[in-house]
């Protein structure tokens, strides 16, 4: 009995700092996410994806128009050798649920509401530059505070 209490006490001593640190990190991450734009444009890509080769130049051209807008562009590159840290990046961006559902799929950009996790629209190769601009503008208007 006494040995059990000693073991429990030792575990409590060693685990307490990790418990409190996890709470602090979660609170800090929430603060960081709140300071970021509500609209996220998340590109799911890889070097071997033929659709990516079509849509990425269009997105890159349009992205220049939104440098000062309330939208955050993120790329998730699933090319072998570049996948490390993608889950953590999605978590930092506040879109981990969407990322986990679509992890490994490529050839599209999602417009996501960071606050709710709702996917507003999937931008695919069917979108030309004007359609991409219209989609971003449409969801910027919805997420404007």
N, C-alpha and C. Protein backbone atom coordinates (compact mmCIF):
# COMPACT_ATOMS: atom_id res chain seq x y z
N UNK A 1 0.83 -1.19 0.00
CA UNK A 1 0.00 0.00 0.00
C UNK A 1 0.87 1.26 0.00
N UNK A 2 1.87 1.24 0.88
CA UNK A 2 2.74 2.40 0.98
C UNK A 2 3.53 2.60 -0.31
N UNK A 3 3.97 1.51 -0.91
CA UNK A 3 4.70 1.58 -2.17
C UNK A 3 3.82 2.16 -3.27
N UNK A 4 2.54 1.79 -3.28
CA UNK A 4 1.60 2.32 -4.27
C UNK A 4 1.46 3.83 -4.13
N UNK A 5 1.38 4.31 -2.90
CA UNK A 5 1.27 5.75 -2.68
C UNK A 5 2.52 6.48 -3.13
N UNK A 6 3.66 5.89 -2.90
CA UNK A 6 4.92 6.51 -3.31
C UNK A 6 4.98 6.58 -4.84
N UNK A 7 4.57 5.50 -5.50
CA UNK A 7 4.57 5.48 -6.96
C UNK A 7 3.59 6.52 -7.51
N UNK A 8 2.41 6.60 -6.95
CA UNK A 8 1.43 7.59 -7.38
C UNK A 8 1.94 9.02 -7.18
N UNK A 9 2.57 9.25 -6.05
CA UNK A 9 3.11 10.58 -5.77
C UNK A 9 4.21 10.92 -6.77
N UNK A 10 5.08 9.96 -7.05
CA UNK A 10 6.16 10.20 -8.01
C UNK A 10 5.60 10.49 -9.40
N UNK A 11 4.59 9.74 -9.82
CA UNK A 11 3.95 9.99 -11.11
C UNK A 11 3.33 11.37 -11.16
N UNK A 12 2.67 11.76 -10.08
CA UNK A 12 2.04 13.08 -10.03
C UNK A 12 3.09 14.18 -10.15
N UNK A 13 4.21 14.00 -9.50
CA UNK A 13 5.28 15.00 -9.54
C UNK A 13 5.84 15.12 -10.96
N UNK A 14 6.05 13.98 -11.61
CA UNK A 14 6.64 14.01 -12.95
C UNK A 14 5.65 14.40 -14.04
N UNK A 15 4.38 14.12 -13.84
CA UNK A 15 3.38 14.39 -14.86
C UNK A 15 2.81 15.81 -14.77
N UNK A 16 2.83 16.41 -13.61
CA UNK A 16 2.22 17.73 -13.42
C UNK A 16 2.79 18.79 -14.36
N UNK A 17 4.11 18.89 -14.50
CA UNK A 17 4.62 19.92 -15.43
C UNK A 17 4.14 19.72 -16.86
N UNK A 18 4.07 18.48 -17.31
CA UNK A 18 3.58 18.21 -18.67
C UNK A 18 2.12 18.56 -18.81
N UNK A 19 1.34 18.28 -17.78
CA UNK A 19 -0.09 18.58 -17.81
C UNK A 19 -0.31 20.08 -17.95
N UNK A 20 0.36 20.87 -17.12
CA UNK A 20 0.17 22.31 -17.17
C UNK A 20 0.76 22.91 -18.44
N UNK A 21 1.90 22.39 -18.89
CA UNK A 21 2.51 22.89 -20.11
C UNK A 21 1.58 22.66 -21.30
N UNK A 22 0.92 21.50 -21.36
CA UNK A 22 -0.02 21.21 -22.45
C UNK A 22 -1.15 22.22 -22.47
N UNK A 23 -1.66 22.58 -21.28
CA UNK A 23 -2.73 23.58 -21.22
C UNK A 23 -2.22 24.93 -21.70
N UNK A 24 -1.02 25.30 -21.32
CA UNK A 24 -0.46 26.59 -21.74
C UNK A 24 -0.24 26.60 -23.24
N UNK A 25 0.28 25.49 -23.80
CA UNK A 25 0.52 25.44 -25.24
C UNK A 25 -0.79 25.53 -26.01
N UNK A 26 -1.83 24.85 -25.52
CA UNK A 26 -3.13 24.90 -26.18
C UNK A 26 -3.67 26.31 -26.15
N UNK A 27 -3.57 26.99 -25.03
CA UNK A 27 -4.04 28.37 -24.93
C UNK A 27 -3.23 29.29 -25.85
N UNK A 28 -1.92 29.06 -25.91
CA UNK A 28 -1.08 29.88 -26.78
C UNK A 28 -1.42 29.65 -28.24
N UNK A 29 -1.68 28.39 -28.61
CA UNK A 29 -2.06 28.10 -29.99
C UNK A 29 -3.38 28.76 -30.33
N UNK A 30 -4.32 28.75 -29.40
CA UNK A 30 -5.62 29.38 -29.65
C UNK A 30 -5.44 30.87 -29.89
N UNK A 31 -4.57 31.51 -29.12
CA UNK A 31 -4.31 32.93 -29.31
C UNK A 31 -3.71 33.20 -30.69
N UNK A 32 -2.79 32.35 -31.12
CA UNK A 32 -2.15 32.52 -32.42
C UNK A 32 -3.18 32.37 -33.52
N UNK A 33 -4.05 31.36 -33.43
CA UNK A 33 -5.07 31.14 -34.45
C UNK A 33 -6.03 32.32 -34.51
N UNK A 34 -6.39 32.89 -33.36
CA UNK A 34 -7.31 34.02 -33.34
C UNK A 34 -6.74 35.25 -34.03
N UNK A 35 -5.42 35.39 -34.04
CA UNK A 35 -4.79 36.54 -34.67
C UNK A 35 -4.66 36.38 -36.18
N UNK A 36 -4.99 35.22 -36.70
CA UNK A 36 -4.84 34.95 -38.12
C UNK A 36 -6.17 35.17 -38.83
N UNK A 37 -6.11 35.35 -40.16
CA UNK A 37 -7.36 35.54 -40.91
C UNK A 37 -8.28 34.34 -40.76
N UNK A 38 -9.56 34.61 -40.82
CA UNK A 38 -10.56 33.55 -40.67
C UNK A 38 -10.60 32.63 -41.90
N UNK A 39 -10.37 33.18 -43.08
CA UNK A 39 -10.41 32.40 -44.31
C UNK A 39 -9.04 31.78 -44.59
N UNK A 40 -9.03 30.47 -44.80
CA UNK A 40 -7.81 29.74 -45.13
C UNK A 40 -7.97 29.15 -46.52
N UNK A 41 -6.96 29.36 -47.36
CA UNK A 41 -6.90 28.75 -48.69
C UNK A 41 -5.81 27.69 -48.62
N UNK A 42 -6.22 26.44 -48.47
CA UNK A 42 -5.28 25.34 -48.26
C UNK A 42 -5.12 24.53 -49.54
N UNK A 43 -3.92 24.56 -50.10
CA UNK A 43 -3.60 23.80 -51.31
C UNK A 43 -3.08 22.43 -50.92
N UNK A 44 -3.69 21.39 -51.47
CA UNK A 44 -3.25 20.02 -51.26
C UNK A 44 -2.56 19.59 -52.56
N UNK A 45 -1.24 19.38 -52.50
CA UNK A 45 -0.46 19.20 -53.72
C UNK A 45 0.63 18.15 -53.55
N UNK A 46 1.21 17.79 -54.68
CA UNK A 46 2.42 16.97 -54.71
C UNK A 46 3.09 17.19 -56.07
N UNK A 47 4.34 16.81 -56.16
CA UNK A 47 5.06 17.01 -57.42
C UNK A 47 4.61 16.04 -58.51
N UNK A 48 4.03 14.92 -58.14
CA UNK A 48 3.59 13.93 -59.12
C UNK A 48 2.15 14.12 -59.58
N UNK A 49 1.47 15.11 -59.08
CA UNK A 49 0.04 15.33 -59.35
C UNK A 49 -0.13 16.17 -60.62
N UNK A 50 -0.76 15.59 -61.64
CA UNK A 50 -0.96 16.33 -62.89
C UNK A 50 -1.96 17.48 -62.72
N UNK A 51 -2.97 17.29 -61.89
CA UNK A 51 -3.93 18.37 -61.64
C UNK A 51 -3.25 19.56 -60.96
N UNK A 52 -2.29 19.26 -60.10
CA UNK A 52 -1.56 20.32 -59.41
C UNK A 52 -0.79 21.19 -60.40
N UNK A 53 -0.26 20.57 -61.43
CA UNK A 53 0.50 21.32 -62.44
C UNK A 53 -0.39 22.26 -63.23
N UNK A 54 -1.67 21.95 -63.28
CA UNK A 54 -2.62 22.81 -63.97
C UNK A 54 -3.10 23.94 -63.07
N UNK A 55 -3.47 23.60 -61.84
CA UNK A 55 -4.13 24.58 -60.97
C UNK A 55 -3.15 25.49 -60.23
N UNK A 56 -1.97 25.00 -59.88
CA UNK A 56 -1.05 25.82 -59.09
C UNK A 56 -0.63 27.12 -59.76
N UNK A 57 -0.30 27.13 -61.05
CA UNK A 57 0.05 28.43 -61.67
C UNK A 57 -1.12 29.42 -61.63
N UNK A 58 -2.32 28.92 -61.75
CA UNK A 58 -3.50 29.80 -61.67
C UNK A 58 -3.62 30.40 -60.27
N UNK A 59 -3.47 29.55 -59.27
CA UNK A 59 -3.57 30.02 -57.88
C UNK A 59 -2.44 30.99 -57.57
N UNK A 60 -1.24 30.69 -58.02
CA UNK A 60 -0.10 31.57 -57.78
C UNK A 60 -0.32 32.96 -58.40
N UNK A 61 -0.88 32.99 -59.59
CA UNK A 61 -1.18 34.27 -60.25
C UNK A 61 -2.21 35.07 -59.45
N UNK A 62 -3.24 34.40 -58.98
CA UNK A 62 -4.32 35.05 -58.24
C UNK A 62 -3.86 35.46 -56.84
N UNK A 63 -3.02 34.65 -56.25
CA UNK A 63 -2.56 34.89 -54.88
C UNK A 63 -1.93 36.27 -54.72
N UNK A 64 -1.24 36.72 -55.74
CA UNK A 64 -0.60 38.05 -55.69
C UNK A 64 -1.62 39.16 -55.43
N UNK A 65 -2.86 38.98 -55.90
CA UNK A 65 -3.91 39.98 -55.70
C UNK A 65 -4.41 40.04 -54.26
N UNK A 66 -4.06 39.03 -53.45
CA UNK A 66 -4.61 38.91 -52.10
C UNK A 66 -3.55 38.99 -51.01
N UNK A 67 -2.42 39.59 -51.32
CA UNK A 67 -1.35 39.70 -50.34
C UNK A 67 -1.77 40.48 -49.10
N UNK A 68 -2.64 41.48 -49.25
CA UNK A 68 -3.07 42.30 -48.12
C UNK A 68 -4.48 41.95 -47.66
N UNK A 69 -5.06 40.90 -48.20
CA UNK A 69 -6.43 40.50 -47.85
C UNK A 69 -6.42 39.57 -46.63
N UNK A 70 -7.58 39.41 -46.04
CA UNK A 70 -7.74 38.58 -44.85
C UNK A 70 -7.93 37.11 -45.24
N UNK A 71 -6.92 36.59 -45.92
CA UNK A 71 -6.91 35.17 -46.30
C UNK A 71 -5.49 34.65 -46.11
N UNK A 72 -5.38 33.45 -45.55
CA UNK A 72 -4.08 32.82 -45.36
C UNK A 72 -3.94 31.65 -46.31
N UNK A 73 -2.91 31.70 -47.16
CA UNK A 73 -2.64 30.63 -48.10
C UNK A 73 -1.65 29.65 -47.47
N UNK A 74 -2.01 28.37 -47.50
CA UNK A 74 -1.16 27.30 -46.95
C UNK A 74 -1.04 26.21 -48.00
N UNK A 75 0.15 25.62 -48.11
CA UNK A 75 0.36 24.48 -49.01
C UNK A 75 0.72 23.26 -48.19
N UNK A 76 0.03 22.18 -48.49
CA UNK A 76 0.37 20.88 -47.92
C UNK A 76 0.94 20.04 -49.06
N UNK A 77 2.24 19.81 -49.02
CA UNK A 77 2.94 19.11 -50.08
C UNK A 77 3.12 17.64 -49.68
N UNK A 78 2.45 16.75 -50.39
CA UNK A 78 2.50 15.32 -50.10
C UNK A 78 3.54 14.58 -50.94
N UNK A 79 4.45 15.31 -51.54
CA UNK A 79 5.55 14.69 -52.26
C UNK A 79 6.40 13.91 -51.27
N UNK A 80 6.83 12.72 -51.67
CA UNK A 80 7.67 11.92 -50.77
C UNK A 80 8.89 12.74 -50.35
N UNK A 81 9.19 12.67 -49.06
CA UNK A 81 10.32 13.42 -48.52
C UNK A 81 9.95 14.80 -48.02
N UNK A 82 8.73 15.24 -48.30
CA UNK A 82 8.30 16.57 -47.86
C UNK A 82 7.11 16.51 -46.92
N UNK A 83 6.69 15.34 -46.54
CA UNK A 83 5.47 15.17 -45.75
C UNK A 83 5.65 15.44 -44.26
N UNK A 84 6.87 15.45 -43.79
CA UNK A 84 7.11 15.63 -42.36
C UNK A 84 6.54 16.95 -41.87
N UNK A 85 5.83 16.88 -40.78
CA UNK A 85 5.31 18.09 -40.14
C UNK A 85 4.01 18.63 -40.71
N UNK A 86 3.41 17.95 -41.67
CA UNK A 86 2.18 18.48 -42.26
C UNK A 86 1.02 18.48 -41.26
N UNK A 87 0.90 17.42 -40.48
CA UNK A 87 -0.18 17.38 -39.47
C UNK A 87 -0.02 18.49 -38.46
N UNK A 88 1.22 18.72 -38.03
CA UNK A 88 1.48 19.79 -37.07
C UNK A 88 1.17 21.15 -37.69
N UNK A 89 1.51 21.30 -38.95
CA UNK A 89 1.23 22.56 -39.65
C UNK A 89 -0.27 22.81 -39.73
N UNK A 90 -1.03 21.75 -40.02
CA UNK A 90 -2.49 21.87 -40.07
C UNK A 90 -3.05 22.23 -38.69
N UNK A 91 -2.48 21.63 -37.66
CA UNK A 91 -2.93 21.93 -36.30
C UNK A 91 -2.63 23.38 -35.94
N UNK A 92 -1.44 23.85 -36.28
CA UNK A 92 -1.07 25.24 -36.02
C UNK A 92 -1.99 26.21 -36.76
N UNK A 93 -2.43 25.80 -37.95
CA UNK A 93 -3.31 26.65 -38.75
C UNK A 93 -4.76 26.58 -38.29
N UNK A 94 -5.07 25.63 -37.41
CA UNK A 94 -6.43 25.51 -36.90
C UNK A 94 -7.37 24.78 -37.84
N UNK A 95 -6.82 23.95 -38.74
CA UNK A 95 -7.66 23.22 -39.70
C UNK A 95 -7.34 21.73 -39.69
N UNK A 96 -6.97 21.20 -38.54
CA UNK A 96 -6.51 19.81 -38.48
C UNK A 96 -7.61 18.81 -38.82
N UNK A 97 -8.87 19.07 -38.47
CA UNK A 97 -9.94 18.13 -38.80
C UNK A 97 -10.09 17.95 -40.30
N UNK A 98 -10.10 19.03 -41.02
CA UNK A 98 -10.21 18.97 -42.48
C UNK A 98 -8.99 18.25 -43.05
N UNK A 99 -7.82 18.62 -42.55
CA UNK A 99 -6.59 18.00 -43.04
C UNK A 99 -6.62 16.49 -42.85
N UNK A 100 -7.01 16.03 -41.68
CA UNK A 100 -7.01 14.60 -41.40
C UNK A 100 -7.99 13.84 -42.30
N UNK A 101 -9.09 14.47 -42.68
CA UNK A 101 -10.05 13.83 -43.57
C UNK A 101 -9.51 13.69 -44.98
N UNK A 102 -8.65 14.61 -45.40
CA UNK A 102 -8.20 14.64 -46.79
C UNK A 102 -6.71 14.38 -46.96
N UNK A 103 -6.05 14.01 -45.91
CA UNK A 103 -4.61 13.79 -45.93
C UNK A 103 -4.21 12.84 -47.05
N UNK A 104 -3.26 13.27 -47.88
CA UNK A 104 -2.75 12.45 -48.97
C UNK A 104 -3.42 12.71 -50.31
N UNK A 105 -4.58 13.34 -50.30
CA UNK A 105 -5.25 13.67 -51.56
C UNK A 105 -4.66 14.96 -52.11
N UNK A 106 -4.63 15.08 -53.42
CA UNK A 106 -3.97 16.23 -54.03
C UNK A 106 -4.75 16.75 -55.24
N UNK A 107 -4.37 17.94 -55.69
CA UNK A 107 -4.92 18.50 -56.91
C UNK A 107 -6.04 19.49 -56.70
N UNK A 108 -6.14 20.10 -55.53
CA UNK A 108 -7.21 21.04 -55.25
C UNK A 108 -6.79 22.00 -54.14
N UNK A 109 -7.53 23.10 -54.04
CA UNK A 109 -7.37 24.04 -52.96
C UNK A 109 -8.72 24.18 -52.28
N UNK A 110 -8.72 24.13 -50.95
CA UNK A 110 -9.95 24.30 -50.19
C UNK A 110 -9.99 25.69 -49.58
N UNK A 111 -11.15 26.30 -49.61
CA UNK A 111 -11.39 27.56 -48.90
C UNK A 111 -12.15 27.17 -47.64
N UNK A 112 -11.52 27.41 -46.49
CA UNK A 112 -11.99 26.90 -45.21
C UNK A 112 -12.21 28.03 -44.22
N UNK A 113 -13.29 27.92 -43.46
CA UNK A 113 -13.53 28.84 -42.34
C UNK A 113 -12.76 28.29 -41.14
N UNK A 114 -11.70 28.99 -40.75
CA UNK A 114 -10.87 28.53 -39.64
C UNK A 114 -11.67 28.45 -38.35
N UNK A 115 -12.63 29.34 -38.15
CA UNK A 115 -13.39 29.36 -36.90
C UNK A 115 -14.28 28.14 -36.73
N UNK A 116 -14.90 27.68 -37.80
CA UNK A 116 -15.85 26.57 -37.70
C UNK A 116 -15.33 25.27 -38.30
N UNK A 117 -14.30 25.34 -39.12
CA UNK A 117 -13.79 24.16 -39.81
C UNK A 117 -14.59 23.80 -41.04
N UNK A 118 -15.55 24.64 -41.40
CA UNK A 118 -16.39 24.37 -42.56
C UNK A 118 -15.60 24.62 -43.85
N UNK A 119 -15.71 23.66 -44.77
CA UNK A 119 -15.13 23.84 -46.10
C UNK A 119 -16.16 24.58 -46.93
N UNK A 120 -15.80 25.80 -47.35
CA UNK A 120 -16.71 26.60 -48.16
C UNK A 120 -16.76 26.12 -49.61
N UNK A 121 -15.57 25.86 -50.16
CA UNK A 121 -15.51 25.55 -51.57
C UNK A 121 -14.21 24.82 -51.88
N UNK A 122 -14.28 23.90 -52.84
CA UNK A 122 -13.09 23.21 -53.34
C UNK A 122 -12.77 23.76 -54.72
N UNK A 123 -11.60 24.36 -54.84
CA UNK A 123 -11.14 24.93 -56.11
C UNK A 123 -10.38 23.82 -56.83
N UNK A 124 -10.83 23.50 -58.04
CA UNK A 124 -10.24 22.41 -58.81
C UNK A 124 -9.74 22.92 -60.17
N UNK A 125 -9.32 22.01 -61.02
CA UNK A 125 -8.84 22.39 -62.34
C UNK A 125 -9.95 22.97 -63.22
N UNK A 126 -11.20 22.80 -62.81
CA UNK A 126 -12.31 23.38 -63.56
C UNK A 126 -12.37 24.90 -63.38
N UNK A 127 -11.64 25.45 -62.40
CA UNK A 127 -11.63 26.88 -62.13
C UNK A 127 -10.51 27.56 -62.92
N UNK A 128 -10.88 28.59 -63.66
CA UNK A 128 -9.84 29.42 -64.27
C UNK A 128 -9.49 30.54 -63.27
N UNK A 129 -8.62 31.43 -63.65
CA UNK A 129 -8.18 32.48 -62.73
C UNK A 129 -9.34 33.36 -62.24
N UNK A 130 -10.26 33.68 -63.14
CA UNK A 130 -11.41 34.51 -62.75
C UNK A 130 -12.31 33.77 -61.76
N UNK A 131 -12.51 32.47 -61.97
CA UNK A 131 -13.33 31.68 -61.03
C UNK A 131 -12.67 31.59 -59.66
N UNK A 132 -11.34 31.48 -59.64
CA UNK A 132 -10.61 31.41 -58.37
C UNK A 132 -10.76 32.73 -57.63
N UNK A 133 -10.59 33.84 -58.34
CA UNK A 133 -10.77 35.16 -57.70
C UNK A 133 -12.19 35.31 -57.16
N UNK A 134 -13.18 34.90 -57.95
CA UNK A 134 -14.58 35.02 -57.52
C UNK A 134 -14.83 34.18 -56.27
N UNK A 135 -14.27 32.99 -56.21
CA UNK A 135 -14.45 32.13 -55.04
C UNK A 135 -13.83 32.76 -53.80
N UNK A 136 -12.61 33.25 -53.93
CA UNK A 136 -11.95 33.89 -52.78
C UNK A 136 -12.72 35.12 -52.35
N UNK A 137 -13.14 35.95 -53.30
CA UNK A 137 -13.90 37.16 -52.97
C UNK A 137 -15.21 36.81 -52.27
N UNK A 138 -15.88 35.78 -52.76
CA UNK A 138 -17.17 35.37 -52.19
C UNK A 138 -17.01 34.99 -50.71
N UNK A 139 -15.98 34.21 -50.41
CA UNK A 139 -15.81 33.73 -49.04
C UNK A 139 -15.11 34.76 -48.15
N UNK A 140 -14.37 35.69 -48.75
CA UNK A 140 -13.85 36.81 -47.96
C UNK A 140 -15.00 37.66 -47.44
N UNK A 141 -16.02 37.86 -48.29
CA UNK A 141 -17.18 38.63 -47.87
C UNK A 141 -17.93 37.94 -46.73
N UNK A 142 -18.01 36.61 -46.79
CA UNK A 142 -18.72 35.87 -45.75
C UNK A 142 -17.96 35.92 -44.43
N UNK A 143 -16.62 35.85 -44.49
CA UNK A 143 -15.81 35.77 -43.27
C UNK A 143 -15.39 37.15 -42.74
N UNK A 144 -15.76 38.21 -43.44
CA UNK A 144 -15.41 39.55 -42.98
C UNK A 144 -16.07 39.83 -41.64
N UNK A 145 -15.30 40.38 -40.74
CA UNK A 145 -15.83 40.66 -39.38
C UNK A 145 -16.48 42.01 -39.30
